[in-house]
Amino acid sequence: MDDVASAAKVTKPVLYQHFGSKRDLYVELLDDVAGRLVQAIADATSGAASPRLQVEAGLSAYFRFVDGSEDAFRLLFGGGSKRDEEFASKVSQVEDLVAELIATLITADIPPAQKLALAHGIVGMAETTCRHWLRSRTDDPAAAPTPDGLALQLAELAWAGLRGVGTHRL
């Protein structure tokens, strides 16, 4: 709390006036990061001209968010937030919100529950790819793709897979 108060340029008692505990502060940070991430994806996909471009725009917004807020990504999807039941529940809520947003963009003629399952697959694919990307940027920054380049690669994979959905029953 000393570090947070110092970074916020307030005293620790002032910080405790707003947050009763470290836990309360952490939950508030999780909510803030989640809201900003979901909003960035929603804004990006709403302006895209076609479903294919929505996929790319959503992934691009996700990777740009992480590129500009790596600490926020680690706060939300790091190991610490998954070890605590309340924090893990917050992370699951974020994953659900993003998946629900993505499910509305899937135009395949399949039941809504199947769209939601596929959307969760895309969320998981993006999160795992992001972890790899962050590690690869540390190992060899010159070889790591840009956020938009990475989004394009993953969008091509997701789009190719989504185009086949509905032609085969799961």
Foldseek 3Di string as FASTA:
>chain_A
DCVVCVVVVHHPVVVCVVAVDPVRVLVVLLVVLLVVLLVQLVVQLVPDDALLSNQLSNQLSNLVSCVVCVVSLCSLPNPVQCVDPVSVVSSVVSLQSQLVVQLVSQPAPDDSVVSSVLSSVLSVVSSVVSVVLVVVCVVPVVPRDHSSVVSVVSSVVSVVVSVCPNVDDD
